[in-house]
Amino acid sequence: MMPPFEYASPATQADAFRLLADAGAMPLAGGTDLLSLMKDRIVEPRRLVNVKGIPELRAIRTGSDGVRIGAAVTLDEIAAHPQVRPYRAVVDAILGIAIPQVTSQATVGGNLLQRPRCWYFRNGMIPGADADLRYHAIFGNTGPAKYVHASGLAPALIAFGASALIAGPKGERTIRVDQLWRTPAATGEDERTLQPGEILREILLPPHGERGSATVEIRPQGNAAWPLAAAAVVLDPTGASVILGHVAPVPWRSAAAERAIAGKTIDVAVAAAAGAAAVADAKPLSGNAYKVRLAAAAVRRAVLAAAGKEL
């Protein structure tokens, strides 16, 4: 049973900041991750502040600077929006979830800021020397953090160069989406970079232009489990962005894969070279070397799909 908590549903951003000023308060949107964390007693907030009633967080707006998506917009609403559909890698990532009960409730803010799905984290444990790390990181895993970043949307948003507007009692600031997280350097350090009292207000996707994109996720066959590896690729006349997901504690940019693509006509050989380059520096842990092959395949397939050359 959950411990008792207060519930508030402010209608304005200012009221939300006031309610979130309490150290025991936490923002609530879709709740698909937070409520699970509460049931498992990983977090025990004294107050939940429902931010879905704040108009600024519930809108998708377009302008000369691109598409602005409020943090409390659901994944289904994003995928269905006509101004978002050209950003194929974003839509691919949402459709890949394929669980209507999740996509109708989960929000972009919640997807980006969900906590690690690592079973050690969820059970309040630290992986030991004999830990089962079959689903864990193959990049960025030399420190205490062995988990993989859980967001399915993050690689696509980073590949498009999206930015995040952060609002708090001291004002607003804009950062790149990839600056929302860090790899913890010590046990207990939070992987998110938001300061106390701050909320993610909206995501800005820059103008689409003449770009091709795709996200490919590889999941265990025949079920709706979490992806084992993913890649989001954006191609434009000036270069490429290749971001891997579910392989490191943060979304993982592969500069080597981007160089393998740069200036070349995309074909099967170039895509395979990009996949091989993407995993050349992988450092698998005990039991997860198979993820190296899966990550290479995800990059190869995403490069071809972004170029309109589906296999």
Foldseek 3Di string as FASTA:
>chain_A
DFDDAAEEEDQEPVVLLVVLLPPLEDEDALCPQVVLLRVLPLHRGRYYYYDCNHVLQADWDQDQFAIKHRQRHFQVNQLPDPRNVQLAAQNQLSVLLVDCVRRVRHGNQCLLQHDFPDPCSSNVHFADPPGDLQLWAQPACPASDTHFRQRSNLQSQVQQQKKWWKQFPVGIDIGTSQQQADRDRDPPDDGGDDDRSMGTTIMGRGDDPPKFKHKDFDCPPPDSDGTSKMWIKIDDPQWIWIWIGSHHHGTHTQVQLRVLPPPDDDDLVSLLSSLCSRLVPTHDDPNHPVSSVVHSVNSSQGSCVSNVNHD
